[in-house]
């Protein structure tokens, strides 16, 4: 789907490295599918950052994508609040959205 939305494909290995191979205190990827096709992704890249004198969990919101034919379904609007609630409950101290 990334090729259709962003104009370039990413490999499964790159996706795993960026999103799933890093420690995260909570789920950091949400997907929606129609049949065998992913039509939506909302994801955050987990990392640790120094905040004042503490090192804390953080998430950088990245690679949100919706298949062109599903863009009027308001999937981001529906899912985003849930992701922030999950991260808040897991004590993620910083969420950065570009």
N, C-alpha and C. Protein backbone atom coordinates (compact mmCIF):
# COMPACT_ATOMS: atom_id res chain seq x y z
N UNK A 1 0.82 -1.19 0.00
CA UNK A 1 0.00 0.00 0.00
C UNK A 1 0.86 1.26 0.00
N UNK A 2 2.04 1.22 0.58
CA UNK A 2 2.86 2.43 0.64
C UNK A 2 3.18 2.96 -0.74
N UNK A 3 3.34 2.08 -1.71
CA UNK A 3 3.63 2.54 -3.07
C UNK A 3 2.45 3.33 -3.64
N UNK A 4 1.24 2.90 -3.35
CA UNK A 4 0.05 3.60 -3.85
C UNK A 4 -0.16 4.93 -3.13
N UNK A 5 0.14 4.98 -1.85
CA UNK A 5 -0.13 6.20 -1.07
C UNK A 5 1.04 7.17 -1.12
N UNK A 6 2.27 6.67 -0.95
CA UNK A 6 3.44 7.53 -0.85
C UNK A 6 4.28 7.56 -2.13
N UNK A 7 3.95 6.72 -3.10
CA UNK A 7 4.72 6.70 -4.33
C UNK A 7 5.99 5.88 -4.27
N UNK A 8 6.20 5.15 -3.18
CA UNK A 8 7.36 4.27 -3.07
C UNK A 8 7.02 3.11 -2.13
N UNK A 9 7.52 1.96 -2.46
CA UNK A 9 7.27 0.78 -1.64
C UNK A 9 8.34 0.67 -0.57
N UNK A 10 7.99 0.03 0.52
CA UNK A 10 8.99 -0.32 1.53
C UNK A 10 8.94 -1.83 1.72
N UNK A 11 10.06 -2.40 2.04
CA UNK A 11 10.12 -3.85 2.24
C UNK A 11 9.54 -4.21 3.60
N UNK A 12 9.15 -5.46 3.73
CA UNK A 12 8.67 -5.96 5.01
C UNK A 12 9.76 -5.81 6.07
N UNK A 13 11.02 -6.06 5.68
CA UNK A 13 12.14 -5.94 6.62
C UNK A 13 12.27 -4.51 7.13
N UNK A 14 12.13 -3.53 6.23
CA UNK A 14 12.22 -2.12 6.63
C UNK A 14 11.05 -1.76 7.56
N UNK A 15 9.85 -2.22 7.23
CA UNK A 15 8.67 -1.96 8.06
C UNK A 15 8.87 -2.52 9.46
N UNK A 16 9.36 -3.76 9.53
CA UNK A 16 9.60 -4.37 10.85
C UNK A 16 10.66 -3.60 11.63
N UNK A 17 11.76 -3.23 10.96
CA UNK A 17 12.84 -2.48 11.63
C UNK A 17 12.29 -1.17 12.18
N UNK A 18 11.52 -0.48 11.40
CA UNK A 18 11.03 0.84 11.79
C UNK A 18 9.96 0.78 12.88
N UNK A 19 9.09 -0.24 12.80
CA UNK A 19 7.91 -0.23 13.67
C UNK A 19 7.83 -1.36 14.68
N UNK A 20 8.28 -2.54 14.37
CA UNK A 20 8.01 -3.67 15.26
C UNK A 20 9.24 -4.25 15.94
N UNK A 21 10.44 -3.94 15.48
CA UNK A 21 11.64 -4.51 16.10
C UNK A 21 12.17 -3.67 17.25
N UNK A 22 11.52 -2.56 17.52
CA UNK A 22 11.95 -1.67 18.61
C UNK A 22 11.06 -1.92 19.82
N UNK A 23 11.62 -1.87 21.02
CA UNK A 23 10.78 -2.06 22.20
C UNK A 23 9.78 -0.92 22.34
N UNK A 24 8.56 -1.27 22.69
CA UNK A 24 7.51 -0.28 22.90
C UNK A 24 6.62 -0.78 24.03
N UNK A 25 6.23 0.09 24.95
CA UNK A 25 5.42 -0.35 26.09
C UNK A 25 3.97 -0.66 25.72
N UNK A 26 3.56 -0.39 24.49
CA UNK A 26 2.18 -0.64 24.06
C UNK A 26 2.16 -0.89 22.56
N UNK A 27 1.03 -1.31 22.07
CA UNK A 27 0.88 -1.51 20.63
C UNK A 27 1.18 -0.19 19.92
N UNK A 28 1.83 -0.28 18.78
CA UNK A 28 2.19 0.94 18.06
C UNK A 28 1.79 0.92 16.59
N UNK A 29 1.08 -0.13 16.15
CA UNK A 29 0.62 -0.19 14.76
C UNK A 29 -0.83 -0.67 14.75
N UNK A 30 -1.65 0.08 14.03
CA UNK A 30 -3.05 -0.29 13.82
C UNK A 30 -3.27 -0.42 12.32
N UNK A 31 -3.92 -1.52 11.92
CA UNK A 31 -4.17 -1.79 10.51
C UNK A 31 -5.65 -2.07 10.30
N UNK A 32 -6.12 -1.78 9.09
CA UNK A 32 -7.45 -2.21 8.66
C UNK A 32 -7.28 -2.88 7.31
N UNK A 33 -8.06 -3.94 7.10
CA UNK A 33 -7.95 -4.68 5.85
C UNK A 33 -9.34 -4.92 5.27
N UNK A 34 -9.34 -5.04 3.97
CA UNK A 34 -10.53 -5.52 3.25
C UNK A 34 -10.07 -6.77 2.51
N UNK A 35 -10.54 -7.91 2.96
CA UNK A 35 -10.05 -9.16 2.40
C UNK A 35 -8.58 -9.31 2.70
N UNK A 36 -7.78 -9.54 1.67
CA UNK A 36 -6.33 -9.71 1.84
C UNK A 36 -5.55 -8.41 1.68
N UNK A 37 -6.24 -7.29 1.54
CA UNK A 37 -5.57 -6.03 1.24
C UNK A 37 -5.61 -5.08 2.44
N UNK A 38 -4.43 -4.62 2.86
CA UNK A 38 -4.35 -3.58 3.88
C UNK A 38 -4.84 -2.29 3.24
N UNK A 39 -5.79 -1.62 3.90
CA UNK A 39 -6.32 -0.36 3.36
C UNK A 39 -6.02 0.83 4.27
N UNK A 40 -5.45 0.55 5.45
CA UNK A 40 -5.21 1.62 6.41
C UNK A 40 -4.09 1.22 7.35
N UNK A 41 -3.23 2.18 7.68
CA UNK A 41 -2.23 1.98 8.72
C UNK A 41 -2.09 3.27 9.50
N UNK A 42 -2.07 3.14 10.81
CA UNK A 42 -1.74 4.24 11.71
C UNK A 42 -0.63 3.70 12.59
N UNK A 43 0.52 4.34 12.58
CA UNK A 43 1.67 3.75 13.27
C UNK A 43 2.51 4.81 13.98
N UNK A 44 3.21 4.35 14.99
CA UNK A 44 4.16 5.20 15.70
C UNK A 44 5.47 4.46 15.87
N UNK A 45 6.56 5.13 15.57
CA UNK A 45 7.89 4.55 15.73
C UNK A 45 8.35 4.78 17.18
N UNK A 46 8.50 3.70 17.94
CA UNK A 46 8.90 3.86 19.33
C UNK A 46 10.37 4.21 19.48
N UNK A 47 10.66 5.01 20.48
CA UNK A 47 12.04 5.33 20.82
C UNK A 47 12.10 5.82 22.25
N UNK A 48 13.29 5.98 22.73
CA UNK A 48 13.51 6.53 24.09
C UNK A 48 14.14 7.89 23.91
N UNK A 49 13.70 8.86 24.71
CA UNK A 49 14.24 10.21 24.63
C UNK A 49 14.56 10.71 26.03
N UNK A 50 15.45 11.68 26.09
CA UNK A 50 15.79 12.30 27.37
C UNK A 50 14.88 13.52 27.55
N UNK A 51 14.13 13.51 28.62
CA UNK A 51 13.21 14.58 28.97
C UNK A 51 13.63 15.09 30.34
N UNK A 52 14.14 16.31 30.36
CA UNK A 52 14.80 16.82 31.56
C UNK A 52 15.95 15.88 31.89
N UNK A 53 15.93 15.25 33.04
CA UNK A 53 17.01 14.33 33.40
C UNK A 53 16.58 12.86 33.29
N UNK A 54 15.37 12.61 32.80
CA UNK A 54 14.86 11.24 32.71
C UNK A 54 14.89 10.75 31.27
N UNK A 55 15.07 9.46 31.11
CA UNK A 55 14.92 8.82 29.80
C UNK A 55 13.54 8.16 29.81
N UNK A 56 12.73 8.52 28.82
CA UNK A 56 11.33 8.08 28.81
C UNK A 56 10.97 7.47 27.46
N UNK A 57 9.86 6.75 27.45
CA UNK A 57 9.32 6.22 26.20
C UNK A 57 8.66 7.33 25.41
N UNK A 58 8.87 7.28 24.10
CA UNK A 58 8.26 8.24 23.19
C UNK A 58 7.82 7.50 21.94
N UNK A 59 6.95 8.14 21.17
CA UNK A 59 6.49 7.59 19.91
C UNK A 59 6.47 8.72 18.90
N UNK A 60 7.00 8.46 17.71
CA UNK A 60 6.91 9.41 16.61
C UNK A 60 5.85 8.87 15.65
N UNK A 61 4.78 9.60 15.49
CA UNK A 61 3.71 9.18 14.59
C UNK A 61 4.23 9.24 13.16
N UNK A 62 4.22 8.09 12.48
CA UNK A 62 4.79 8.00 11.13
C UNK A 62 3.90 7.13 10.23
N UNK A 63 4.06 7.35 8.95
CA UNK A 63 3.51 6.46 7.93
C UNK A 63 2.02 6.17 8.06
N UNK A 64 1.25 7.17 8.45
CA UNK A 64 -0.19 7.01 8.41
C UNK A 64 -0.60 6.98 6.94
N UNK A 65 -1.35 5.96 6.57
CA UNK A 65 -1.75 5.87 5.17
C UNK A 65 -3.11 5.21 5.05
N UNK A 66 -3.84 5.70 4.06
CA UNK A 66 -5.17 5.18 3.74
C UNK A 66 -5.21 4.96 2.24
N UNK A 67 -5.65 3.78 1.83
CA UNK A 67 -5.78 3.51 0.40
C UNK A 67 -6.70 4.55 -0.23
N UNK A 68 -6.38 5.00 -1.43
CA UNK A 68 -7.18 6.07 -2.05
C UNK A 68 -8.68 5.79 -2.07
N UNK A 69 -9.07 4.55 -2.31
CA UNK A 69 -10.50 4.24 -2.38
C UNK A 69 -11.19 4.24 -1.01
N UNK A 70 -10.42 4.34 0.08
CA UNK A 70 -10.99 4.33 1.42
C UNK A 70 -10.85 5.67 2.14
N UNK A 71 -10.39 6.68 1.45
CA UNK A 71 -10.06 7.94 2.13
C UNK A 71 -11.27 8.70 2.65
N UNK A 72 -12.44 8.42 2.19
CA UNK A 72 -13.63 9.14 2.69
C UNK A 72 -14.28 8.45 3.88
N UNK A 73 -13.67 7.39 4.37
CA UNK A 73 -14.24 6.65 5.49
C UNK A 73 -13.84 7.20 6.86
N UNK A 74 -13.01 8.23 6.88
CA UNK A 74 -12.61 8.88 8.13
C UNK A 74 -11.93 7.92 9.10
N UNK A 75 -11.10 7.03 8.57
CA UNK A 75 -10.41 6.04 9.39
C UNK A 75 -9.43 6.69 10.36
N UNK A 76 -8.68 7.67 9.91
CA UNK A 76 -7.73 8.36 10.80
C UNK A 76 -8.48 9.01 11.95
N UNK A 77 -9.56 9.70 11.65
CA UNK A 77 -10.36 10.37 12.68
C UNK A 77 -10.90 9.37 13.70
N UNK A 78 -11.26 8.19 13.23
CA UNK A 78 -11.81 7.17 14.13
C UNK A 78 -10.74 6.51 14.99
N UNK A 79 -9.56 6.26 14.43
CA UNK A 79 -8.54 5.48 15.13
C UNK A 79 -7.57 6.32 15.96
N UNK A 80 -7.23 7.51 15.51
CA UNK A 80 -6.21 8.32 16.21
C UNK A 80 -6.50 8.49 17.70
N UNK A 81 -7.70 8.85 18.11
CA UNK A 81 -7.92 8.99 19.56
C UNK A 81 -7.66 7.71 20.34
N UNK A 82 -7.95 6.57 19.74
CA UNK A 82 -7.69 5.29 20.42
C UNK A 82 -6.20 5.06 20.61
N UNK A 83 -5.41 5.40 19.60
CA UNK A 83 -3.96 5.19 19.71
C UNK A 83 -3.38 6.05 20.82
N UNK A 84 -3.80 7.30 20.88
CA UNK A 84 -3.27 8.18 21.92
C UNK A 84 -3.69 7.72 23.31
N UNK A 85 -4.87 7.16 23.44
CA UNK A 85 -5.31 6.63 24.73
C UNK A 85 -4.47 5.42 25.13
N UNK A 86 -4.20 4.53 24.19
CA UNK A 86 -3.35 3.37 24.48
C UNK A 86 -1.97 3.82 24.91
N UNK A 87 -1.39 4.78 24.20
CA UNK A 87 -0.06 5.26 24.55
C UNK A 87 -0.07 5.99 25.90
N UNK A 88 -1.11 6.75 26.18
CA UNK A 88 -1.20 7.44 27.47
C UNK A 88 -1.27 6.43 28.60
N UNK A 89 -2.09 5.41 28.44
CA UNK A 89 -2.23 4.38 29.48
C UNK A 89 -0.93 3.61 29.70
N UNK A 90 -0.08 3.53 28.68
CA UNK A 90 1.20 2.84 28.80
C UNK A 90 2.32 3.78 29.27
N UNK A 91 1.96 4.99 29.65
CA UNK A 91 2.90 5.99 30.16
C UNK A 91 3.93 6.44 29.12
N UNK A 92 3.54 6.44 27.85
CA UNK A 92 4.41 7.05 26.83
C UNK A 92 4.41 8.55 27.11
N UNK A 93 5.57 9.10 27.36
CA UNK A 93 5.67 10.47 27.83
C UNK A 93 5.57 11.52 26.72
N UNK A 94 6.00 11.14 25.51
CA UNK A 94 6.03 12.09 24.40
C UNK A 94 5.49 11.41 23.15
N UNK A 95 4.58 12.08 22.45
CA UNK A 95 4.14 11.65 21.13
C UNK A 95 4.39 12.81 20.20
N UNK A 96 5.18 12.58 19.18
CA UNK A 96 5.52 13.62 18.23
C UNK A 96 4.80 13.33 16.92
N UNK A 97 4.05 14.30 16.45
CA UNK A 97 3.32 14.18 15.19
C UNK A 97 3.84 15.25 14.26
N UNK A 98 4.28 14.85 13.06
CA UNK A 98 4.81 15.83 12.11
C UNK A 98 3.68 16.52 11.39
